[in-house]
Amino acid sequence: KTSPTSLTHVLKEHFKRSYYDFINEHRILDIIDRF
C-alpha cells in the first residue's frame, strides 16, 4: 500500500539494495535453504 517511488527509496536507504538485488537475494536464500 505504497508507491513504487517510496519502495525504491526504502530499498536504497534501509537495505542498500536495488529492487532486483533485494528480490534475488531472498530467492537465493530460499534456494540455499532447500539445498
PDB file of all heavy atoms in Angstrom:
ATOM      1  N   LYS A   1       0.826  -1.218   0.000  1.00  0.00           N
ATOM      2  CA  LYS A   1       0.000   0.000   0.000  1.00  0.00           C
ATOM      3  C   LYS A   1       0.864   1.274   0.000  1.00  0.00           C
ATOM      4  O   LYS A   1       0.647   2.201   0.787  1.00  0.00           O
ATOM      5  CB  LYS A   1      -0.952   0.017   1.193  1.00  0.00           C
ATOM      6  CG  LYS A   1      -1.979  -1.106   1.178  1.00  0.00           C
ATOM      7  CD  LYS A   1      -2.924  -0.967   2.355  1.00  0.00           C
ATOM      8  CE  LYS A   1      -4.072  -1.957   2.275  1.00  0.00           C
ATOM      9  NZ  LYS A   1      -3.691  -3.347   2.427  1.00  0.00           N
ATOM     10  N   THR A   2       1.864   1.264  -0.871  1.00  0.00           N
ATOM     11  CA  THR A   2       2.731   2.434  -1.016  1.00  0.00           C
ATOM     12  C   THR A   2       3.035   2.633  -2.497  1.00  0.00           C
ATOM     13  O   THR A   2       2.604   1.831  -3.344  1.00  0.00           O
ATOM     14  CB  THR A   2       4.041   2.270  -0.208  1.00  0.00           C
ATOM     15  OG1 THR A   2       4.770   3.494  -0.226  1.00  0.00           O
ATOM     16  CG2 THR A   2       4.920   1.163  -0.777  1.00  0.00           C
ATOM     17  N   SER A   3       3.771   3.657  -2.835  1.00  0.00           N
ATOM     18  CA  SER A   3       4.104   3.923  -4.244  1.00  0.00           C
ATOM     19  C   SER A   3       5.437   3.264  -4.598  1.00  0.00           C
ATOM     20  O   SER A   3       6.275   3.030  -3.712  1.00  0.00           O
ATOM     21  CB  SER A   3       4.218   5.431  -4.470  1.00  0.00           C
ATOM     22  OG  SER A   3       5.327   5.962  -3.771  1.00  0.00           O
ATOM     23  N   PRO A   4       5.664   2.948  -5.862  1.00  0.00           N
ATOM     24  CA  PRO A   4       6.953   2.394  -6.298  1.00  0.00           C
ATOM     25  C   PRO A   4       8.126   3.310  -5.928  1.00  0.00           C
ATOM     26  O   PRO A   4       9.204   2.817  -5.581  1.00  0.00           O
ATOM     27  CB  PRO A   4       6.783   2.278  -7.822  1.00  0.00           C
ATOM     28  CG  PRO A   4       5.315   2.125  -8.026  1.00  0.00           C
ATOM     29  CD  PRO A   4       4.683   2.981  -6.977  1.00  0.00           C
ATOM     30  N   THR A   5       7.910   4.626  -5.978  1.00  0.00           N
ATOM     31  CA  THR A   5       8.969   5.575  -5.624  1.00  0.00           C
ATOM     32  C   THR A   5       9.356   5.436  -4.155  1.00  0.00           C
ATOM     33  O   THR A   5      10.546   5.405  -3.802  1.00  0.00           O
ATOM     34  CB  THR A   5       8.528   7.022  -5.905  1.00  0.00           C
ATOM     35  OG1 THR A   5       8.154   7.152  -7.269  1.00  0.00           O
ATOM     36  CG2 THR A   5       9.656   8.000  -5.594  1.00  0.00           C
ATOM     37  N   SER A   6       8.369   5.344  -3.270  1.00  0.00           N
ATOM     38  CA  SER A   6       8.625   5.190  -1.836  1.00  0.00           C
ATOM     39  C   SER A   6       9.316   3.867  -1.542  1.00  0.00           C
ATOM     40  O   SER A   6      10.231   3.789  -0.709  1.00  0.00           O
ATOM     41  CB  SER A   6       7.316   5.264  -1.048  1.00  0.00           C
ATOM     42  OG  SER A   6       6.719   6.536  -1.192  1.00  0.00           O
ATOM     43  N   LEU A   7       8.898   2.813  -2.243  1.00  0.00           N
ATOM     44  CA  LEU A   7       9.501   1.499  -2.043  1.00  0.00           C
ATOM     45  C   LEU A   7      10.965   1.500  -2.489  1.00  0.00           C
ATOM     46  O   LEU A   7      11.839   0.944  -1.815  1.00  0.00           O
ATOM     47  CB  LEU A   7       8.705   0.441  -2.809  1.00  0.00           C
ATOM     48  CG  LEU A   7       9.224  -1.002  -2.704  1.00  0.00           C
ATOM     49  CD1 LEU A   7       9.327  -1.439  -1.247  1.00  0.00           C
ATOM     50  CD2 LEU A   7       8.307  -1.950  -3.489  1.00  0.00           C
ATOM     51  N   THR A   8      11.230   2.144  -3.622  1.00  0.00           N
ATOM     52  CA  THR A   8      12.612   2.258  -4.112  1.00  0.00           C
ATOM     53  C   THR A   8      13.479   3.002  -3.103  1.00  0.00           C
ATOM     54  O   THR A   8      14.634   2.623  -2.847  1.00  0.00           O
ATOM     55  CB  THR A   8      12.643   2.994  -5.466  1.00  0.00           C
ATOM     56  OG1 THR A   8      11.848   2.265  -6.416  1.00  0.00           O
ATOM     57  CG2 THR A   8      14.063   3.106  -5.989  1.00  0.00           C
ATOM     58  N   HIS A   9      12.916   4.040  -2.505  1.00  0.00           N
ATOM     59  CA  HIS A   9      13.636   4.829  -1.502  1.00  0.00           C
ATOM     60  C   HIS A   9      13.987   3.964  -0.287  1.00  0.00           C
ATOM     61  O   HIS A   9      15.111   4.017   0.230  1.00  0.00           O
ATOM     62  CB  HIS A   9      12.782   6.018  -1.062  1.00  0.00           C
ATOM     63  CG  HIS A   9      13.390   6.827   0.040  1.00  0.00           C
ATOM     64  ND1 HIS A   9      14.422   7.708  -0.168  1.00  0.00           N
ATOM     65  CD2 HIS A   9      13.121   6.861   1.377  1.00  0.00           C
ATOM     66  CE1 HIS A   9      14.765   8.259   0.990  1.00  0.00           C
ATOM     67  NE2 HIS A   9      13.988   7.763   1.940  1.00  0.00           N
ATOM     68  N   VAL A  10      13.037   3.152   0.169  1.00  0.00           N
ATOM     69  CA  VAL A  10      13.269   2.276   1.318  1.00  0.00           C
ATOM     70  C   VAL A  10      14.362   1.251   1.005  1.00  0.00           C
ATOM     71  O   VAL A  10      15.247   0.990   1.827  1.00  0.00           O
ATOM     72  CB  VAL A  10      11.966   1.559   1.726  1.00  0.00           C
ATOM     73  CG1 VAL A  10      12.250   0.450   2.738  1.00  0.00           C
ATOM     74  CG2 VAL A  10      10.986   2.547   2.307  1.00  0.00           C
ATOM     75  N   LEU A  11      14.279   0.662  -0.174  1.00  0.00           N
ATOM     76  CA  LEU A  11      15.281  -0.330  -0.573  1.00  0.00           C
ATOM     77  C   LEU A  11      16.681   0.281  -0.617  1.00  0.00           C
ATOM     78  O   LEU A  11      17.657  -0.331  -0.194  1.00  0.00           O
ATOM     79  CB  LEU A  11      14.922  -0.921  -1.938  1.00  0.00           C
ATOM     80  CG  LEU A  11      13.686  -1.830  -1.968  1.00  0.00           C
ATOM     81  CD1 LEU A  11      13.258  -2.108  -3.399  1.00  0.00           C
ATOM     82  CD2 LEU A  11      13.977  -3.137  -1.233  1.00  0.00           C
ATOM     83  N   LYS A  12      16.755   1.506  -1.102  1.00  0.00           N
ATOM     84  CA  LYS A  12      18.056   2.174  -1.236  1.00  0.00           C
ATOM     85  C   LYS A  12      18.598   2.642   0.104  1.00  0.00           C
ATOM     86  O   LYS A  12      19.768   2.417   0.421  1.00  0.00           O
ATOM     87  CB  LYS A  12      17.917   3.370  -2.185  1.00  0.00           C
ATOM     88  CG  LYS A  12      19.229   4.125  -2.402  1.00  0.00           C
ATOM     89  CD  LYS A  12      19.023   5.320  -3.321  1.00  0.00           C
ATOM     90  CE  LYS A  12      20.315   6.109  -3.475  1.00  0.00           C
ATOM     91  NZ  LYS A  12      20.123   7.313  -4.329  1.00  0.00           N
ATOM     92  N   GLU A  13      17.743   3.287   0.926  1.00  0.00           N
ATOM     93  CA  GLU A  13      18.205   3.898   2.178  1.00  0.00           C
ATOM     94  C   GLU A  13      18.351   2.894   3.320  1.00  0.00           C
ATOM     95  O   GLU A  13      19.273   3.004   4.115  1.00  0.00           O
ATOM     96  CB  GLU A  13      17.242   5.024   2.602  1.00  0.00           C
ATOM     97  CG  GLU A  13      17.176   6.181   1.626  1.00  0.00           C
ATOM     98  CD  GLU A  13      18.530   6.852   1.449  1.00  0.00           C
ATOM     99  OE1 GLU A  13      19.237   7.034   2.456  1.00  0.00           O
ATOM    100  OE2 GLU A  13      18.887   7.174   0.303  1.00  0.00           O
ATOM    101  N   HIS A  14      17.446   1.930   3.404  1.00  0.00           N
ATOM    102  CA  HIS A  14      17.480   0.998   4.537  1.00  0.00           C
ATOM    103  C   HIS A  14      18.222  -0.295   4.211  1.00  0.00           C
ATOM    104  O   HIS A  14      19.040  -0.763   5.009  1.00  0.00           O
ATOM    105  CB  HIS A  14      16.062   0.672   4.991  1.00  0.00           C
ATOM    106  CG  HIS A  14      16.014  -0.121   6.259  1.00  0.00           C
ATOM    107  ND1 HIS A  14      16.109   0.469   7.500  1.00  0.00           N
ATOM    108  CD2 HIS A  14      15.908  -1.461   6.482  1.00  0.00           C
ATOM    109  CE1 HIS A  14      16.065  -0.475   8.433  1.00  0.00           C
ATOM    110  NE2 HIS A  14      15.934  -1.648   7.850  1.00  0.00           N
ATOM    111  N   PHE A  15      17.939  -0.887   3.054  1.00  0.00           N
ATOM    112  CA  PHE A  15      18.538  -2.176   2.716  1.00  0.00           C
ATOM    113  C   PHE A  15      19.785  -2.061   1.841  1.00  0.00           C
ATOM    114  O   PHE A  15      20.485  -3.046   1.639  1.00  0.00           O
ATOM    115  CB  PHE A  15      17.499  -3.065   2.009  1.00  0.00           C
ATOM    116  CG  PHE A  15      16.333  -3.441   2.887  1.00  0.00           C
ATOM    117  CD1 PHE A  15      15.127  -2.767   2.791  1.00  0.00           C
ATOM    118  CD2 PHE A  15      16.456  -4.459   3.819  1.00  0.00           C
ATOM    119  CE1 PHE A  15      14.046  -3.108   3.601  1.00  0.00           C
ATOM    120  CE2 PHE A  15      15.379  -4.817   4.633  1.00  0.00           C
ATOM    121  CZ  PHE A  15      14.168  -4.142   4.522  1.00  0.00           C
ATOM    122  N   LYS A  16      20.043  -0.852   1.323  1.00  0.00           N
ATOM    123  CA  LYS A  16      21.213  -0.605   0.459  1.00  0.00           C
ATOM    124  C   LYS A  16      21.205  -1.555  -0.748  1.00  0.00           C
ATOM    125  O   LYS A  16      22.233  -2.073  -1.166  1.00  0.00           O
ATOM    126  CB  LYS A  16      22.520  -0.774   1.238  1.00  0.00           C
ATOM    127  CG  LYS A  16      22.573  -0.019   2.552  1.00  0.00           C
ATOM    128  CD  LYS A  16      22.422   1.469   2.375  1.00  0.00           C
ATOM    129  CE  LYS A  16      22.357   2.198   3.707  1.00  0.00           C
ATOM    130  NZ  LYS A  16      22.070   3.642   3.561  1.00  0.00           N
ATOM    131  N   ARG A  17      20.022  -1.781  -1.291  1.00  0.00           N
ATOM    132  CA  ARG A  17      19.853  -2.700  -2.419  1.00  0.00           C
ATOM    133  C   ARG A  17      18.930  -2.103  -3.464  1.00  0.00           C
ATOM    134  O   ARG A  17      18.030  -1.316  -3.147  1.00  0.00           O
ATOM    135  CB  ARG A  17      19.227  -4.019  -1.936  1.00  0.00           C
ATOM    136  CG  ARG A  17      20.097  -4.868  -1.031  1.00  0.00           C
ATOM    137  CD  ARG A  17      21.026  -5.703  -1.856  1.00  0.00           C
ATOM    138  NE  ARG A  17      21.584  -6.816  -1.147  1.00  0.00           N
ATOM    139  CZ  ARG A  17      22.233  -7.814  -1.728  1.00  0.00           C
ATOM    140  NH1 ARG A  17      22.362  -7.840  -3.029  1.00  0.00           N
ATOM    141  NH2 ARG A  17      22.763  -8.782  -1.027  1.00  0.00           N
ATOM    142  N   SER A  18      19.130  -2.536  -4.724  1.00  0.00           N
ATOM    143  CA  SER A  18      18.152  -2.224  -5.758  1.00  0.00           C
ATOM    144  C   SER A  18      17.011  -3.224  -5.624  1.00  0.00           C
ATOM    145  O   SER A  18      17.136  -4.235  -4.899  1.00  0.00           O
ATOM    146  CB  SER A  18      18.789  -2.340  -7.147  1.00  0.00           C
ATOM    147  OG  SER A  18      19.104  -3.694  -7.433  1.00  0.00           O
ATOM    148  N   TYR A  19      15.915  -2.962  -6.326  1.00  0.00           N
ATOM    149  CA  TYR A  19      14.766  -3.863  -6.228  1.00  0.00           C
ATOM    150  C   TYR A  19      15.143  -5.280  -6.643  1.00  0.00           C
ATOM    151  O   TYR A  19      14.858  -6.252  -5.926  1.00  0.00           O
ATOM    152  CB  TYR A  19      13.619  -3.351  -7.113  1.00  0.00           C
ATOM    153  CG  TYR A  19      12.560  -4.393  -7.364  1.00  0.00           C
ATOM    154  CD1 TYR A  19      11.657  -4.751  -6.358  1.00  0.00           C
ATOM    155  CD2 TYR A  19      12.489  -5.052  -8.596  1.00  0.00           C
ATOM    156  CE1 TYR A  19      10.704  -5.734  -6.581  1.00  0.00           C
ATOM    157  CE2 TYR A  19      11.535  -6.029  -8.822  1.00  0.00           C
ATOM    158  CZ  TYR A  19      10.643  -6.369  -7.813  1.00  0.00           C
ATOM    159  OH  TYR A  19       9.706  -7.344  -8.029  1.00  0.00           O
ATOM    160  N   TYR A  20      15.809  -5.426  -7.799  1.00  0.00           N
ATOM    161  CA  TYR A  20      16.140  -6.756  -8.312  1.00  0.00           C
ATOM    162  C   TYR A  20      17.134  -7.482  -7.410  1.00  0.00           C
ATOM    163  O   TYR A  20      17.012  -8.695  -7.176  1.00  0.00           O
ATOM    164  CB  TYR A  20      16.666  -6.661  -9.746  1.00  0.00           C
ATOM    165  CG  TYR A  20      15.588  -6.309 -10.741  1.00  0.00           C
ATOM    166  CD1 TYR A  20      15.514  -5.045 -11.311  1.00  0.00           C
ATOM    167  CD2 TYR A  20      14.609  -7.244 -11.085  1.00  0.00           C
ATOM    168  CE1 TYR A  20      14.492  -4.712 -12.199  1.00  0.00           C
ATOM    169  CE2 TYR A  20      13.595  -6.937 -11.979  1.00  0.00           C
ATOM    170  CZ  TYR A  20      13.543  -5.662 -12.530  1.00  0.00           C
ATOM    171  OH  TYR A  20      12.528  -5.335 -13.405  1.00  0.00           O
ATOM    172  N   ASP A  21      18.123  -6.763  -6.880  1.00  0.00           N
ATOM    173  CA  ASP A  21      19.091  -7.394  -5.978  1.00  0.00           C
ATOM    174  C   ASP A  21      18.413  -7.858  -4.686  1.00  0.00           C
ATOM    175  O   ASP A  21      18.726  -8.924  -4.149  1.00  0.00           O
ATOM    176  CB  ASP A  21      20.214  -6.411  -5.628  1.00  0.00           C
ATOM    177  CG  ASP A  21      21.201  -6.243  -6.776  1.00  0.00           C
ATOM    178  OD1 ASP A  21      21.209  -7.098  -7.670  1.00  0.00           O
ATOM    179  OD2 ASP A  21      21.957  -5.250  -6.766  1.00  0.00           O
ATOM    180  N   PHE A  22      17.469  -7.057  -4.198  1.00  0.00           N
ATOM    181  CA  PHE A  22      16.752  -7.408  -2.971  1.00  0.00           C
ATOM    182  C   PHE A  22      15.917  -8.679  -3.155  1.00  0.00           C
ATOM    183  O   PHE A  22      15.957  -9.593  -2.324  1.00  0.00           O
ATOM    184  CB  PHE A  22      15.851  -6.237  -2.562  1.00  0.00           C
ATOM    185  CG  PHE A  22      15.028  -6.496  -1.328  1.00  0.00           C
ATOM    186  CD1 PHE A  22      15.580  -6.378  -0.068  1.00  0.00           C
ATOM    187  CD2 PHE A  22      13.680  -6.853  -1.442  1.00  0.00           C
ATOM    188  CE1 PHE A  22      14.812  -6.615   1.078  1.00  0.00           C
ATOM    189  CE2 PHE A  22      12.912  -7.095  -0.314  1.00  0.00           C
ATOM    190  CZ  PHE A  22      13.483  -6.976   0.952  1.00  0.00           C
ATOM    191  N   ILE A  23      15.153  -8.732  -4.249  1.00  0.00           N
ATOM    192  CA  ILE A  23      14.298  -9.895  -4.513  1.00  0.00           C
ATOM    193  C   ILE A  23      15.146 -11.137  -4.779  1.00  0.00           C
ATOM    194  O   ILE A  23      14.883 -12.226  -4.243  1.00  0.00           O
ATOM    195  CB  ILE A  23      13.362  -9.624  -5.717  1.00  0.00           C
ATOM    196  CG1 ILE A  23      12.390  -8.490  -5.389  1.00  0.00           C
ATOM    197  CG2 ILE A  23      12.600 -10.896  -6.091  1.00  0.00           C
ATOM    198  CD1 ILE A  23      11.500  -8.747  -4.194  1.00  0.00           C
ATOM    199  N   ASN A  24      16.189 -10.977  -5.588  1.00  0.00           N
ATOM    200  CA  ASN A  24      17.059 -12.123  -5.903  1.00  0.00           C
ATOM    201  C   ASN A  24      17.784 -12.644  -4.666  1.00  0.00           C
ATOM    202  O   ASN A  24      18.023 -13.846  -4.536  1.00  0.00           O
ATOM    203  CB  ASN A  24      18.073 -11.737  -6.976  1.00  0.00           C
ATOM    204  CG  ASN A  24      17.439 -11.640  -8.350  1.00  0.00           C
ATOM    205  OD1 ASN A  24      16.339 -12.173  -8.580  1.00  0.00           O
ATOM    206  ND2 ASN A  24      18.096 -10.963  -9.277  1.00  0.00           N
ATOM    207  N   GLU A  25      18.141 -11.734  -3.753  1.00  0.00           N
ATOM    208  CA  GLU A  25      18.784 -12.165  -2.506  1.00  0.00           C
ATOM    209  C   GLU A  25      17.870 -13.121  -1.742  1.00  0.00           C
ATOM    210  O   GLU A  25      18.318 -14.175  -1.256  1.00  0.00           O
ATOM    211  CB  GLU A  25      19.111 -10.947  -1.640  1.00  0.00           C
ATOM    212  CG  GLU A  25      19.714 -11.317  -0.283  1.00  0.00           C
ATOM    213  CD  GLU A  25      19.836 -10.122   0.647  1.00  0.00           C
ATOM    214  OE1 GLU A  25      19.210  -9.082   0.381  1.00  0.00           O
ATOM    215  OE2 GLU A  25      20.536 -10.254   1.664  1.00  0.00           O
ATOM    216  N   HIS A  26      16.586 -12.771  -1.625  1.00  0.00           N
ATOM    217  CA  HIS A  26      15.642 -13.629  -0.907  1.00  0.00           C
ATOM    218  C   HIS A  26      15.388 -14.935  -1.653  1.00  0.00           C
ATOM    219  O   HIS A  26      15.214 -15.996  -1.027  1.00  0.00           O
ATOM    220  CB  HIS A  26      14.319 -12.882  -0.674  1.00  0.00           C
ATOM    221  CG  HIS A  26      14.395 -11.897   0.447  1.00  0.00           C
ATOM    222  ND1 HIS A  26      14.965 -10.645   0.310  1.00  0.00           N
ATOM    223  CD2 HIS A  26      13.997 -12.003   1.750  1.00  0.00           C
ATOM    224  CE1 HIS A  26      14.902 -10.014   1.476  1.00  0.00           C
ATOM    225  NE2 HIS A  26      14.315 -10.801   2.354  1.00  0.00           N
ATOM    226  N   ARG A  27      15.370 -14.874  -2.968  1.00  0.00           N
ATOM    227  CA  ARG A  27      15.206 -16.101  -3.751  1.00  0.00           C
ATOM    228  C   ARG A  27      16.387 -17.042  -3.546  1.00  0.00           C
ATOM    229  O   ARG A  27      16.213 -18.258  -3.364  1.00  0.00           O
ATOM    230  CB  ARG A  27      15.049 -15.755  -5.234  1.00  0.00           C
ATOM    231  CG  ARG A  27      13.693 -15.143  -5.574  1.00  0.00           C
ATOM    232  CD  ARG A  27      13.651 -14.610  -6.989  1.00  0.00           C
ATOM    233  NE  ARG A  27      12.294 -14.154  -7.334  1.00  0.00           N
ATOM    234  CZ  ARG A  27      11.999 -13.447  -8.416  1.00  0.00           C
ATOM    235  NH1 ARG A  27      12.970 -13.085  -9.277  1.00  0.00           N
ATOM    236  NH2 ARG A  27      10.753 -13.097  -8.662  1.00  0.00           N
ATOM    237  N   ILE A  28      17.602 -16.484  -3.550  1.00  0.00           N
ATOM    238  CA  ILE A  28      18.805 -17.296  -3.371  1.00  0.00           C
ATOM    239  C   ILE A  28      18.838 -17.903  -1.970  1.00  0.00           C
ATOM    240  O   ILE A  28      19.185 -19.082  -1.797  1.00  0.00           O
ATOM    241  CB  ILE A  28      20.082 -16.459  -3.626  1.00  0.00           C
ATOM    242  CG1 ILE A  28      20.132 -15.984  -5.084  1.00  0.00           C
ATOM    243  CG2 ILE A  28      21.328 -17.258  -3.279  1.00  0.00           C
ATOM    244  CD1 ILE A  28      20.099 -17.095  -6.119  1.00  0.00           C
ATOM    245  N   LEU A  29      18.468 -17.130  -0.962  1.00  0.00           N
ATOM    246  CA  LEU A  29      18.436 -17.651   0.412  1.00  0.00           C
ATOM    247  C   LEU A  29      17.429 -18.798   0.528  1.00  0.00           C
ATOM    248  O   LEU A  29      17.672 -19.782   1.243  1.00  0.00           O
ATOM    249  CB  LEU A  29      18.077 -16.530   1.393  1.00  0.00           C
ATOM    250  CG  LEU A  29      19.138 -15.461   1.625  1.00  0.00           C
ATOM    251  CD1 LEU A  29      18.583 -14.328   2.497  1.00  0.00           C
ATOM    252  CD2 LEU A  29      20.383 -16.057   2.274  1.00  0.00           C
ATOM    253  N   ASP A  30      16.314 -18.670  -0.175  1.00  0.00           N
ATOM    254  CA  ASP A  30      15.298 -19.719  -0.180  1.00  0.00           C
ATOM    255  C   ASP A  30      15.844 -20.989  -0.834  1.00  0.00           C
ATOM    256  O   ASP A  30      15.641 -22.097  -0.336  1.00  0.00           O
ATOM    257  CB  ASP A  30      14.061 -19.217  -0.929  1.00  0.00           C
ATOM    258  CG  ASP A  30      12.876 -20.162  -0.787  1.00  0.00           C
ATOM    259  OD1 ASP A  30      12.589 -20.583   0.343  1.00  0.00           O
ATOM    260  OD2 ASP A  30      12.245 -20.478  -1.814  1.00  0.00           O
ATOM    261  N   ILE A  31      16.560 -20.795  -1.927  1.00  0.00           N
ATOM    262  CA  ILE A  31      17.155 -21.934  -2.647  1.00  0.00           C
ATOM    263  C   ILE A  31      18.232 -22.600  -1.796  1.00  0.00           C
ATOM    264  O   ILE A  31      18.308 -23.835  -1.721  1.00  0.00           O
ATOM    265  CB  ILE A  31      17.739 -21.461  -3.996  1.00  0.00           C
ATOM    266  CG1 ILE A  31      16.594 -21.078  -4.947  1.00  0.00           C
ATOM    267  CG2 ILE A  31      18.619 -22.542  -4.627  1.00  0.00           C
ATOM    268  CD1 ILE A  31      17.048 -20.352  -6.193  1.00  0.00           C
ATOM    269  N   ILE A  32      19.072 -21.803  -1.152  1.00  0.00           N
ATOM    270  CA  ILE A  32      20.129 -22.341  -0.285  1.00  0.00           C
ATOM    271  C   ILE A  32      19.525 -23.167   0.846  1.00  0.00           C
ATOM    272  O   ILE A  32      20.043 -24.238   1.204  1.00  0.00           O
ATOM    273  CB  ILE A  32      21.005 -21.198   0.276  1.00  0.00           C
ATOM    274  CG1 ILE A  32      21.888 -20.640  -0.832  1.00  0.00           C
ATOM    275  CG2 ILE A  32      21.859 -21.671   1.455  1.00  0.00           C
ATOM    276  CD1 ILE A  32      22.676 -19.413  -0.427  1.00  0.00           C
ATOM    277  N   ASP A  33      18.422 -22.681   1.398  1.00  0.00           N
ATOM    278  CA  ASP A  33      17.739 -23.413   2.461  1.00  0.00           C
ATOM    279  C   ASP A  33      17.284 -24.789   1.969  1.00  0.00           C
ATOM    280  O   ASP A  33      17.419 -25.790   2.687  1.00  0.00           O
ATOM    281  CB  ASP A  33      16.533 -22.595   2.951  1.00  0.00           C
ATOM    282  CG  ASP A  33      15.811 -23.264   4.113  1.00  0.00           C
ATOM    283  OD1 ASP A  33      16.467 -23.547   5.128  1.00  0.00           O
ATOM    284  OD2 ASP A  33      14.595 -23.511   3.980  1.00  0.00           O
ATOM    285  N   ARG A  34      16.793 -24.846   0.742  1.00  0.00           N
ATOM    286  CA  ARG A  34      16.342 -26.123   0.174  1.00  0.00           C
ATOM    287  C   ARG A  34      17.527 -27.026  -0.134  1.00  0.00           C
ATOM    288  O   ARG A  34      17.442 -28.246   0.051  1.00  0.00           O
ATOM    289  CB  ARG A  34      15.496 -25.870  -1.073  1.00  0.00           C
ATOM    290  CG  ARG A  34      14.184 -25.143  -0.772  1.00  0.00           C
ATOM    291  CD  ARG A  34      13.309 -25.018  -1.993  1.00  0.00           C
ATOM    292  NE  ARG A  34      12.823 -26.317  -2.468  1.00  0.00           N
ATOM    293  CZ  ARG A  34      11.976 -26.479  -3.479  1.00  0.00           C
ATOM    294  NH1 ARG A  34      11.479 -25.407  -4.101  1.00  0.00           N
ATOM    295  NH2 ARG A  34      11.597 -27.675  -3.860  1.00  0.00           N
ATOM    296  N   PHE A  35      18.638 -26.432  -0.586  1.00  0.00           N
ATOM    297  CA  PHE A  35      19.854 -27.212  -0.841  1.00  0.00           C
ATOM    298  C   PHE A  35      20.345 -27.862   0.448  1.00  0.00           C
ATOM    299  O   PHE A  35      20.747 -29.029   0.478  1.00  0.00           O
ATOM    300  CB  PHE A  35      20.962 -26.322  -1.404  1.00  0.00           C
ATOM    301  CG  PHE A  35      20.795 -25.983  -2.867  1.00  0.00           C
ATOM    302  CD1 PHE A  35      21.584 -24.989  -3.460  1.00  0.00           C
ATOM    303  CD2 PHE A  35      19.874 -26.650  -3.653  1.00  0.00           C
ATOM    304  CE1 PHE A  35      21.443 -24.669  -4.797  1.00  0.00           C
ATOM    305  CE2 PHE A  35      19.723 -26.338  -5.010  1.00  0.00           C
ATOM    306  CZ  PHE A  35      20.509 -25.341  -5.577  1.00  0.00           C
TER     307      PHE A  35
END
